[in-house]
Structures are given as structure tokens and as C-alpha cells.
Amino acid sequence: MITGTTRLSSRGQVVIPEPVRMTVKLREGDELLVVVIGDAIVMKKLASVTFEEVARPIWRAVKEMGLSRREVDELIEEAKIVDKINKLFSAVSTEHLTNY
């Protein structure tokens, strides 16, 4: 397994470490599918990948966790709420800092 670390830039960009790029033969301009699973961000090179190919392991993991479709839908809704709360706190925090 090849791993590496990177940082998020102020513009929301990340640099994929060279050993990782070389291993999957990534080139400038290649498209990547980005999927969030819990607190993990997974990227998959979009060569000829279909949605089903990407979704299959995700749904397999959901089944292994014993989650129903309803529970997955509820978790997605919870994640949306948490995202909105985080954006609110970020906006309030930024506003607070710029006003003082």
C-alpha cells in the first residue's frame, strides 16, 4: 500500500504525493471521483469507471455495517445538518474575528 500526506491550500486544493500519482499513473488533467465515507475522503481515477463500480464497494461496506437504506438516508441527512452547523459556526467565527 502506498500512502502519503498532504495539506489543503487556501483555495481548497491538495497535492497528491508523487508516489501515489506514479502508482495509479495519474497525469495532469485526469479526472478523479471524490467520495466521502464517514470522515474519510476517497479518490478514484476516472478512466472508464462507472457509478456502479464506485457504489458497489460503498454499499458492500454499508451492508457489512448492518445499515438499512433508511438508516443510510438518515445518516446523510444528519451529515447535511452537521455541514450546515459547521458553516454557520465558521461564518459566525469569521464575522466575530473581523469585527474586533
N, C-alpha and C. Protein backbone atom coordinates (compact mmCIF):
# COMPACT_ATOMS: atom_id res chain seq x y z
N MET A 1 0.85 -1.18 0.00
CA MET A 1 0.00 0.00 0.00
C MET A 1 0.89 1.24 0.00
N ILE A 2 0.58 2.18 -0.85
CA ILE A 2 1.32 3.43 -0.95
C ILE A 2 0.50 4.49 -0.22
N THR A 3 1.13 5.24 0.66
CA THR A 3 0.44 6.32 1.37
C THR A 3 1.28 7.59 1.32
N GLY A 4 0.68 8.67 1.71
CA GLY A 4 1.38 9.94 1.79
C GLY A 4 0.50 10.94 2.50
N THR A 5 1.05 12.07 2.81
CA THR A 5 0.28 13.13 3.45
C THR A 5 0.32 14.38 2.58
N THR A 6 -0.65 15.22 2.77
CA THR A 6 -0.73 16.46 2.01
C THR A 6 -1.47 17.49 2.85
N ARG A 7 -1.51 18.71 2.40
CA ARG A 7 -2.23 19.78 3.09
C ARG A 7 -3.23 20.41 2.15
N LEU A 8 -4.28 20.94 2.73
CA LEU A 8 -5.29 21.66 1.97
C LEU A 8 -4.85 23.11 1.83
N SER A 9 -4.86 23.63 0.60
CA SER A 9 -4.46 25.02 0.38
C SER A 9 -5.62 25.95 0.70
N SER A 10 -5.34 27.23 0.73
CA SER A 10 -6.39 28.22 0.99
C SER A 10 -7.43 28.22 -0.12
N ARG A 11 -7.10 27.67 -1.27
CA ARG A 11 -8.04 27.59 -2.40
C ARG A 11 -8.74 26.23 -2.46
N GLY A 12 -8.57 25.40 -1.42
CA GLY A 12 -9.23 24.11 -1.38
C GLY A 12 -8.55 23.04 -2.21
N GLN A 13 -7.30 23.26 -2.57
CA GLN A 13 -6.57 22.31 -3.41
C GLN A 13 -5.66 21.44 -2.56
N VAL A 14 -5.46 20.20 -3.03
CA VAL A 14 -4.49 19.31 -2.39
C VAL A 14 -3.54 18.79 -3.46
N VAL A 15 -2.32 18.51 -3.06
CA VAL A 15 -1.34 17.90 -3.96
C VAL A 15 -1.29 16.43 -3.61
N ILE A 16 -1.52 15.59 -4.61
CA ILE A 16 -1.43 14.14 -4.39
C ILE A 16 0.05 13.79 -4.43
N PRO A 17 0.58 13.15 -3.37
CA PRO A 17 2.01 12.84 -3.33
C PRO A 17 2.47 12.05 -4.57
N GLU A 18 3.68 12.35 -5.02
CA GLU A 18 4.20 11.75 -6.24
C GLU A 18 4.16 10.22 -6.24
N PRO A 19 4.54 9.54 -5.14
CA PRO A 19 4.48 8.07 -5.18
C PRO A 19 3.06 7.55 -5.45
N VAL A 20 2.06 8.25 -4.94
CA VAL A 20 0.67 7.86 -5.17
C VAL A 20 0.30 8.11 -6.63
N ARG A 21 0.67 9.28 -7.16
CA ARG A 21 0.39 9.60 -8.57
C ARG A 21 1.04 8.59 -9.50
N MET A 22 2.28 8.23 -9.20
CA MET A 22 3.02 7.29 -10.05
C MET A 22 2.37 5.90 -10.01
N THR A 23 1.95 5.49 -8.83
CA THR A 23 1.37 4.15 -8.67
C THR A 23 0.11 3.98 -9.49
N VAL A 24 -0.76 5.01 -9.53
CA VAL A 24 -2.02 4.90 -10.28
C VAL A 24 -1.93 5.58 -11.65
N LYS A 25 -0.72 5.99 -12.01
CA LYS A 25 -0.47 6.61 -13.32
C LYS A 25 -1.36 7.83 -13.57
N LEU A 26 -1.43 8.71 -12.58
CA LEU A 26 -2.18 9.96 -12.73
C LEU A 26 -1.37 10.96 -13.53
N ARG A 27 -2.05 11.66 -14.42
CA ARG A 27 -1.40 12.70 -15.21
C ARG A 27 -2.21 13.98 -15.08
N GLU A 28 -1.59 15.11 -15.36
CA GLU A 28 -2.28 16.39 -15.34
C GLU A 28 -3.53 16.31 -16.22
N GLY A 29 -4.63 16.78 -15.68
CA GLY A 29 -5.89 16.78 -16.43
C GLY A 29 -6.76 15.55 -16.20
N ASP A 30 -6.19 14.49 -15.60
CA ASP A 30 -7.01 13.32 -15.29
C ASP A 30 -8.13 13.71 -14.32
N GLU A 31 -9.30 13.12 -14.53
CA GLU A 31 -10.42 13.40 -13.64
C GLU A 31 -10.45 12.37 -12.52
N LEU A 32 -10.85 12.84 -11.33
CA LEU A 32 -10.96 11.97 -10.17
C LEU A 32 -12.38 12.06 -9.61
N LEU A 33 -12.91 10.93 -9.20
CA LEU A 33 -14.17 10.91 -8.47
C LEU A 33 -13.81 11.04 -7.01
N VAL A 34 -14.50 11.92 -6.28
CA VAL A 34 -14.23 12.12 -4.86
C VAL A 34 -15.49 11.72 -4.10
N VAL A 35 -15.32 10.79 -3.15
CA VAL A 35 -16.44 10.27 -2.36
C VAL A 35 -16.09 10.43 -0.89
N VAL A 36 -17.06 10.86 -0.09
CA VAL A 36 -16.88 10.97 1.35
C VAL A 36 -17.59 9.79 2.00
N ILE A 37 -16.86 9.05 2.82
CA ILE A 37 -17.42 7.94 3.57
C ILE A 37 -17.07 8.19 5.03
N GLY A 38 -18.06 8.62 5.81
CA GLY A 38 -17.78 8.99 7.19
C GLY A 38 -16.85 10.18 7.19
N ASP A 39 -15.69 10.04 7.85
CA ASP A 39 -14.73 11.14 7.85
C ASP A 39 -13.57 10.89 6.89
N ALA A 40 -13.75 9.90 6.00
CA ALA A 40 -12.71 9.57 5.02
C ALA A 40 -13.07 10.16 3.65
N ILE A 41 -12.07 10.64 2.96
CA ILE A 41 -12.23 11.14 1.60
C ILE A 41 -11.51 10.16 0.69
N VAL A 42 -12.25 9.59 -0.25
CA VAL A 42 -11.70 8.57 -1.15
C VAL A 42 -11.70 9.15 -2.56
N MET A 43 -10.58 9.00 -3.26
CA MET A 43 -10.48 9.46 -4.65
C MET A 43 -10.25 8.27 -5.54
N LYS A 44 -10.93 8.29 -6.69
CA LYS A 44 -10.78 7.21 -7.67
C LYS A 44 -10.55 7.84 -9.03
N LYS A 45 -9.50 7.40 -9.71
CA LYS A 45 -9.22 7.89 -11.07
C LYS A 45 -10.37 7.50 -11.97
N LEU A 46 -10.88 8.47 -12.73
CA LEU A 46 -11.98 8.22 -13.65
C LEU A 46 -11.45 7.87 -15.02
N ALA A 47 -11.10 6.64 -15.19
CA ALA A 47 -10.68 6.21 -16.52
C ALA A 47 -11.92 5.76 -17.26
N SER A 48 -12.40 4.62 -16.92
CA SER A 48 -13.63 4.12 -17.51
C SER A 48 -14.52 3.57 -16.40
N VAL A 49 -14.44 4.22 -15.24
CA VAL A 49 -15.19 3.75 -14.09
C VAL A 49 -16.65 4.16 -14.22
N THR A 50 -17.53 3.26 -13.83
CA THR A 50 -18.94 3.57 -13.83
C THR A 50 -19.39 3.87 -12.40
N PHE A 51 -20.54 4.50 -12.28
CA PHE A 51 -21.07 4.78 -10.95
C PHE A 51 -21.27 3.48 -10.17
N GLU A 52 -21.73 2.45 -10.84
CA GLU A 52 -21.96 1.16 -10.18
C GLU A 52 -20.66 0.59 -9.61
N GLU A 53 -19.56 0.75 -10.36
CA GLU A 53 -18.26 0.25 -9.88
C GLU A 53 -17.82 0.98 -8.62
N VAL A 54 -18.14 2.25 -8.54
CA VAL A 54 -17.77 3.03 -7.36
C VAL A 54 -18.73 2.73 -6.22
N ALA A 55 -20.02 2.63 -6.53
CA ALA A 55 -21.03 2.45 -5.49
C ALA A 55 -21.00 1.05 -4.88
N ARG A 56 -20.63 0.05 -5.67
CA ARG A 56 -20.65 -1.34 -5.20
C ARG A 56 -19.88 -1.53 -3.89
N PRO A 57 -18.61 -1.12 -3.78
CA PRO A 57 -17.90 -1.32 -2.50
C PRO A 57 -18.48 -0.48 -1.37
N ILE A 58 -19.05 0.67 -1.71
CA ILE A 58 -19.66 1.50 -0.67
C ILE A 58 -20.87 0.78 -0.09
N TRP A 59 -21.74 0.27 -0.98
CA TRP A 59 -22.92 -0.46 -0.50
C TRP A 59 -22.53 -1.75 0.20
N ARG A 60 -21.44 -2.39 -0.24
CA ARG A 60 -20.95 -3.59 0.45
C ARG A 60 -20.57 -3.24 1.89
N ALA A 61 -19.87 -2.11 2.06
CA ALA A 61 -19.49 -1.67 3.40
C ALA A 61 -20.72 -1.34 4.23
N VAL A 62 -21.72 -0.72 3.62
CA VAL A 62 -22.96 -0.40 4.32
C VAL A 62 -23.63 -1.69 4.80
N LYS A 63 -23.67 -2.71 3.94
CA LYS A 63 -24.27 -4.00 4.33
C LYS A 63 -23.49 -4.63 5.48
N GLU A 64 -22.15 -4.59 5.38
CA GLU A 64 -21.32 -5.17 6.44
C GLU A 64 -21.54 -4.47 7.77
N MET A 65 -21.85 -3.18 7.72
CA MET A 65 -22.13 -2.42 8.94
C MET A 65 -23.55 -2.69 9.45
N GLY A 66 -24.35 -3.40 8.65
CA GLY A 66 -25.70 -3.73 9.06
C GLY A 66 -26.68 -2.58 8.96
N LEU A 67 -26.38 -1.60 8.12
CA LEU A 67 -27.25 -0.44 7.99
C LEU A 67 -28.30 -0.68 6.92
N SER A 68 -29.53 -0.24 7.21
CA SER A 68 -30.58 -0.30 6.21
C SER A 68 -30.50 0.94 5.32
N ARG A 69 -31.21 0.91 4.21
CA ARG A 69 -31.24 2.07 3.32
C ARG A 69 -31.79 3.29 4.06
N ARG A 70 -32.81 3.06 4.92
CA ARG A 70 -33.40 4.14 5.71
C ARG A 70 -32.34 4.76 6.64
N GLU A 71 -31.55 3.90 7.28
CA GLU A 71 -30.51 4.40 8.18
C GLU A 71 -29.45 5.19 7.41
N VAL A 72 -29.11 4.74 6.21
CA VAL A 72 -28.15 5.47 5.39
C VAL A 72 -28.72 6.84 5.04
N ASP A 73 -29.99 6.87 4.63
CA ASP A 73 -30.64 8.15 4.33
C ASP A 73 -30.62 9.07 5.54
N GLU A 74 -30.89 8.52 6.73
CA GLU A 74 -30.87 9.33 7.95
C GLU A 74 -29.47 9.87 8.24
N LEU A 75 -28.46 9.03 8.02
CA LEU A 75 -27.07 9.48 8.24
C LEU A 75 -26.69 10.59 7.26
N ILE A 76 -27.17 10.48 6.03
CA ILE A 76 -26.89 11.52 5.04
C ILE A 76 -27.55 12.83 5.48
N GLU A 77 -28.79 12.75 5.95
CA GLU A 77 -29.48 13.96 6.42
C GLU A 77 -28.76 14.56 7.63
N GLU A 78 -28.29 13.69 8.55
CA GLU A 78 -27.53 14.18 9.70
C GLU A 78 -26.26 14.89 9.24
N ALA A 79 -25.59 14.31 8.26
CA ALA A 79 -24.35 14.91 7.75
C ALA A 79 -24.63 16.27 7.13
N LYS A 80 -25.76 16.41 6.45
CA LYS A 80 -26.13 17.70 5.86
C LYS A 80 -26.35 18.73 6.96
N ILE A 81 -27.01 18.32 8.05
CA ILE A 81 -27.26 19.23 9.17
C ILE A 81 -25.94 19.64 9.81
N VAL A 82 -25.07 18.67 10.05
CA VAL A 82 -23.76 18.97 10.65
C VAL A 82 -22.98 19.93 9.76
N ASP A 83 -23.04 19.71 8.44
CA ASP A 83 -22.36 20.60 7.49
C ASP A 83 -22.90 22.02 7.61
N LYS A 84 -24.22 22.16 7.70
CA LYS A 84 -24.82 23.49 7.83
C LYS A 84 -24.41 24.14 9.14
N ILE A 85 -24.39 23.37 10.21
CA ILE A 85 -23.97 23.91 11.51
C ILE A 85 -22.51 24.36 11.45
N ASN A 86 -21.66 23.54 10.84
CA ASN A 86 -20.24 23.91 10.72
C ASN A 86 -20.08 25.19 9.91
N LYS A 87 -20.85 25.33 8.83
CA LYS A 87 -20.78 26.55 8.02
C LYS A 87 -21.26 27.75 8.83
N LEU A 88 -22.30 27.56 9.63
CA LEU A 88 -22.81 28.64 10.48
C LEU A 88 -21.76 29.07 11.49
N PHE A 89 -21.16 28.08 12.18
CA PHE A 89 -20.13 28.41 13.16
C PHE A 89 -18.93 29.09 12.50
N SER A 90 -18.58 28.63 11.32
CA SER A 90 -17.46 29.22 10.60
C SER A 90 -17.77 30.67 10.25
N ALA A 91 -18.99 30.92 9.78
CA ALA A 91 -19.38 32.29 9.41
C ALA A 91 -19.42 33.18 10.63
N VAL A 92 -19.98 32.68 11.73
CA VAL A 92 -20.06 33.47 12.97
C VAL A 92 -18.67 33.73 13.50
N SER A 93 -17.81 32.72 13.48
CA SER A 93 -16.45 32.86 13.97
C SER A 93 -15.68 33.87 13.13
N THR A 94 -15.82 33.79 11.81
CA THR A 94 -15.14 34.72 10.91
C THR A 94 -15.66 36.14 11.12
N GLU A 95 -16.97 36.27 11.25
CA GLU A 95 -17.57 37.59 11.47
C GLU A 95 -17.10 38.18 12.79
N HIS A 96 -17.06 37.32 13.81
CA HIS A 96 -16.62 37.77 15.13
C HIS A 96 -15.18 38.27 15.08
N LEU A 97 -14.32 37.55 14.37
CA LEU A 97 -12.91 37.91 14.30
C LEU A 97 -12.70 39.19 13.49
N THR A 98 -13.50 39.41 12.47
CA THR A 98 -13.30 40.60 11.63
C THR A 98 -13.93 41.84 12.24
N ASN A 99 -14.82 41.65 13.18
CA ASN A 99 -15.46 42.82 13.83
C ASN A 99 -14.66 43.34 15.00
N TYR A 100 -13.62 42.65 15.40
CA TYR A 100 -12.83 43.11 16.57
C TYR A 100 -11.39 43.33 16.23
